[in-house]
N, C-alpha and C. Protein backbone atom coordinates (compact mmCIF):
# COMPACT_ATOMS: atom_id res chain seq x y z
N MET A 1 44.04 8.75 -14.67
CA MET A 1 43.05 8.98 -13.99
C MET A 1 41.66 9.09 -14.59
N ALA A 2 40.50 8.56 -14.27
CA ALA A 2 39.19 8.66 -14.99
C ALA A 2 38.51 10.07 -14.35
N THR A 3 37.85 10.87 -15.45
CA THR A 3 37.08 12.06 -15.24
C THR A 3 35.84 11.75 -15.40
N ALA A 4 35.11 12.08 -14.39
CA ALA A 4 33.62 11.58 -14.40
C ALA A 4 32.88 13.24 -14.93
N ILE A 5 32.14 12.62 -15.89
CA ILE A 5 31.25 13.79 -16.68
C ILE A 5 29.85 13.48 -16.08
N PHE A 6 29.27 14.77 -15.56
CA PHE A 6 27.84 14.55 -14.63
C PHE A 6 26.96 15.74 -15.67
N PRO A 7 25.86 15.33 -15.76
CA PRO A 7 24.94 16.11 -16.69
C PRO A 7 24.48 17.53 -15.69
N GLN A 8 24.16 18.42 -16.31
CA GLN A 8 23.91 19.71 -15.89
C GLN A 8 22.99 19.27 -14.50
N THR A 9 21.99 18.75 -14.67
CA THR A 9 21.17 18.64 -13.38
C THR A 9 21.02 16.80 -13.49
N ILE A 10 20.43 16.64 -12.19
CA ILE A 10 20.20 15.28 -11.91
C ILE A 10 18.84 15.18 -11.09
N SER A 11 18.27 14.24 -11.96
CA SER A 11 16.55 13.98 -11.00
C SER A 11 16.80 13.50 -9.77
N PRO A 12 15.85 13.78 -8.98
CA PRO A 12 15.99 13.36 -7.47
C PRO A 12 15.96 11.82 -7.57
N VAL A 13 15.51 11.03 -8.41
CA VAL A 13 15.30 9.62 -8.42
C VAL A 13 16.90 9.08 -8.74
N ASP A 14 17.34 9.71 -9.62
CA ASP A 14 18.69 9.27 -10.05
C ASP A 14 19.45 9.56 -8.80
N ALA A 15 19.56 10.71 -8.01
CA ALA A 15 20.38 11.15 -6.86
C ALA A 15 20.03 10.21 -5.75
N LEU A 16 18.67 9.54 -5.36
CA LEU A 16 18.48 8.51 -4.70
C LEU A 16 19.01 7.34 -4.80
N TRP A 17 18.85 7.01 -6.06
CA TRP A 17 19.35 5.77 -6.63
C TRP A 17 20.94 5.55 -6.39
N THR A 18 21.58 6.49 -6.76
CA THR A 18 23.16 6.85 -6.24
C THR A 18 23.39 6.43 -4.98
N LEU A 19 22.64 7.51 -4.15
CA LEU A 19 22.62 7.07 -2.80
C LEU A 19 22.54 5.46 -2.40
N TYR A 20 21.41 4.92 -2.99
CA TYR A 20 21.14 3.68 -2.54
C TYR A 20 22.28 2.64 -2.73
N LEU A 21 22.81 2.66 -3.86
CA LEU A 21 23.86 2.14 -4.73
C LEU A 21 25.07 2.14 -3.55
N SER A 22 25.00 3.05 -3.16
CA SER A 22 26.49 3.40 -2.43
C SER A 22 26.77 2.78 -1.09
N GLN A 23 25.49 2.40 -0.81
CA GLN A 23 25.25 2.00 0.50
C GLN A 23 25.64 0.25 0.71
N THR A 24 25.98 -0.28 1.80
CA THR A 24 25.98 -1.59 2.10
C THR A 24 24.94 -2.47 1.73
N LYS A 25 25.39 -3.85 1.23
CA LYS A 25 24.14 -4.77 0.90
C LYS A 25 23.34 -4.64 2.44
N LYS A 26 23.87 -4.88 3.46
CA LYS A 26 23.19 -5.02 4.43
C LYS A 26 21.94 -3.90 4.48
N VAL A 27 22.43 -2.77 4.24
CA VAL A 27 21.53 -1.14 4.47
C VAL A 27 20.59 -1.58 3.23
N ARG A 28 21.07 -1.84 2.12
CA ARG A 28 20.34 -1.85 0.95
C ARG A 28 18.95 -3.15 1.40
N GLU A 29 19.62 -4.13 1.73
CA GLU A 29 18.78 -5.14 2.28
C GLU A 29 17.52 -4.56 3.18
N ALA A 30 18.05 -3.94 4.46
CA ALA A 30 17.27 -3.28 5.13
C ALA A 30 16.06 -2.35 4.41
N PHE A 31 16.44 -1.69 3.46
CA PHE A 31 15.86 -0.76 2.96
C PHE A 31 14.65 -1.15 1.95
N ARG A 32 15.17 -2.42 1.22
CA ARG A 32 14.43 -2.99 0.61
C ARG A 32 13.24 -3.79 1.47
N LEU A 33 13.42 -4.18 2.56
CA LEU A 33 12.23 -4.76 3.28
C LEU A 33 11.41 -3.88 4.25
N ARG A 34 11.88 -2.59 4.12
CA ARG A 34 11.22 -1.51 4.59
C ARG A 34 10.04 -1.08 3.62
N LEU A 35 10.69 -1.01 2.64
CA LEU A 35 9.65 -0.78 1.38
C LEU A 35 8.68 -1.86 0.96
N LEU A 36 9.08 -2.87 1.02
CA LEU A 36 8.04 -3.96 0.87
C LEU A 36 6.82 -4.03 2.21
N SER A 37 7.52 -3.78 3.44
CA SER A 37 6.61 -3.75 4.67
C SER A 37 5.43 -2.36 4.42
N GLU A 38 6.03 -1.51 3.84
CA GLU A 38 5.29 -0.47 3.79
C GLU A 38 4.00 -0.60 2.75
N GLU A 39 4.55 -1.10 1.58
CA GLU A 39 3.73 -1.46 0.43
C GLU A 39 2.53 -2.44 0.99
N GLN A 40 3.16 -3.67 1.94
CA GLN A 40 1.90 -4.61 2.20
C GLN A 40 1.00 -3.89 3.51
N GLU A 41 1.34 -2.75 4.21
CA GLU A 41 0.85 -2.12 4.88
C GLU A 41 -0.29 -1.30 4.01
N GLN A 42 0.00 -0.38 3.27
CA GLN A 42 -1.03 0.12 2.34
C GLN A 42 -2.02 -0.68 1.80
N ILE A 43 -1.81 -1.90 1.34
CA ILE A 43 -2.87 -2.87 0.62
C ILE A 43 -3.53 -3.55 1.91
N THR A 44 -3.11 -3.79 2.83
CA THR A 44 -3.93 -4.22 4.11
C THR A 44 -4.82 -2.81 4.45
N LYS A 45 -4.44 -1.66 4.34
CA LYS A 45 -5.14 -0.60 4.78
C LYS A 45 -6.38 -0.41 3.79
N ALA A 46 -6.10 -0.69 2.60
CA ALA A 46 -7.08 -0.28 1.24
C ALA A 46 -7.92 -1.49 1.73
N GLN A 47 -7.68 -2.67 1.99
CA GLN A 47 -8.56 -3.89 1.88
C GLN A 47 -9.14 -3.32 3.02
N GLU A 48 -9.04 -3.08 4.41
CA GLU A 48 -9.53 -2.89 5.42
C GLU A 48 -10.74 -1.64 5.45
N ALA A 49 -10.47 -0.50 4.35
CA ALA A 49 -11.33 0.55 4.08
C ALA A 49 -12.43 -0.08 3.21
N MET A 50 -12.10 -1.08 2.09
CA MET A 50 -13.17 -1.47 1.36
C MET A 50 -13.96 -2.51 2.18
N MET A 51 -13.45 -3.21 3.25
CA MET A 51 -14.22 -4.03 4.04
C MET A 51 -15.31 -3.25 4.85
N LYS A 52 -14.94 -2.50 5.43
CA LYS A 52 -15.48 -1.17 6.25
C LYS A 52 -16.68 -0.84 5.40
N GLU A 53 -16.40 -0.11 4.21
CA GLU A 53 -17.45 0.28 3.54
C GLU A 53 -18.35 -0.49 2.77
N SER A 54 -18.02 -1.70 2.66
CA SER A 54 -18.62 -2.69 2.19
C SER A 54 -19.83 -3.24 3.27
N LEU A 55 -19.34 -3.67 4.52
CA LEU A 55 -20.18 -3.76 5.69
C LEU A 55 -20.98 -2.83 6.09
N THR A 56 -20.80 -1.45 5.70
CA THR A 56 -21.51 -0.40 6.25
C THR A 56 -22.51 -0.14 5.47
N ARG A 57 -22.58 -0.31 3.97
CA ARG A 57 -23.39 -0.50 3.27
C ARG A 57 -24.23 -1.78 3.32
N ALA A 58 -23.87 -2.78 3.42
CA ALA A 58 -24.69 -4.06 3.49
C ALA A 58 -25.61 -3.75 4.99
N PHE A 59 -25.14 -3.45 6.13
CA PHE A 59 -26.11 -3.17 7.37
C PHE A 59 -27.01 -1.81 6.88
N ASP A 60 -26.47 -1.11 6.43
CA ASP A 60 -27.89 -0.01 5.95
C ASP A 60 -28.80 -0.26 5.40
N GLU A 61 -28.43 -1.14 4.23
CA GLU A 61 -29.61 -1.62 3.35
C GLU A 61 -30.31 -2.65 4.10
N LEU A 62 -29.86 -3.37 4.96
CA LEU A 62 -30.36 -4.33 5.92
C LEU A 62 -31.42 -3.98 6.80
N HIS A 63 -31.22 -2.57 7.47
CA HIS A 63 -31.85 -1.94 8.56
C HIS A 63 -32.82 -1.05 7.46
N SER A 64 -32.58 -0.77 6.50
CA SER A 64 -33.57 -0.03 5.80
C SER A 64 -34.68 -0.76 4.96
N GLY A 65 -34.49 -1.99 4.90
CA GLY A 65 -35.69 -3.06 4.30
C GLY A 65 -35.27 -3.02 2.83
N LYS A 66 -34.14 -2.48 2.24
CA LYS A 66 -34.02 -2.72 0.92
C LYS A 66 -33.20 -4.32 0.55
N VAL A 67 -33.11 -5.02 1.31
CA VAL A 67 -32.48 -6.36 0.95
C VAL A 67 -33.87 -7.46 0.64
N HIS A 68 -33.58 -8.45 0.16
CA HIS A 68 -34.27 -9.41 0.12
C HIS A 68 -34.72 -10.09 1.56
N PRO A 69 -35.96 -10.54 1.78
CA PRO A 69 -36.12 -11.10 3.18
C PRO A 69 -35.11 -11.98 3.65
N ASP A 70 -35.03 -12.98 2.40
CA ASP A 70 -33.94 -14.35 3.08
C ASP A 70 -32.66 -13.82 3.55
N ALA A 71 -32.18 -12.39 2.98
CA ALA A 71 -30.76 -12.09 3.37
C ALA A 71 -30.68 -11.74 5.21
N HIS A 72 -31.99 -11.31 5.71
CA HIS A 72 -31.89 -11.33 7.24
C HIS A 72 -31.61 -12.74 7.79
N LYS A 73 -31.90 -13.93 7.06
CA LYS A 73 -31.21 -15.23 7.65
C LYS A 73 -29.73 -15.18 7.79
N LEU A 74 -29.02 -14.51 7.17
CA LEU A 74 -27.80 -14.66 6.88
C LEU A 74 -26.93 -13.96 8.58
N PHE A 75 -27.79 -13.01 9.03
CA PHE A 75 -27.36 -12.05 10.08
C PHE A 75 -28.20 -12.78 11.52
N ALA A 76 -29.18 -13.99 11.29
CA ALA A 76 -29.97 -14.18 12.39
C ALA A 76 -29.53 -15.25 13.39
N GLU A 77 -28.31 -15.86 12.91
CA GLU A 77 -27.49 -16.71 13.58
C GLU A 77 -26.58 -16.15 14.52
């Protein structure tokens, strides 16, 4: 009979990893897909925030007259 030797303390990451490995392949795959989905959602939100900030700044500059006159042509059509 094998005896397991455990360290005095286990890190939360190691505990989660052990729990993850003890799950079925189907559960691990569902978890992996959820993580990927969450990561993509974070990337999308960051891109949306960057676009909003960029457009807000561009329109503020356009309305304040700080842009080159030819830039008005971009929004005229």
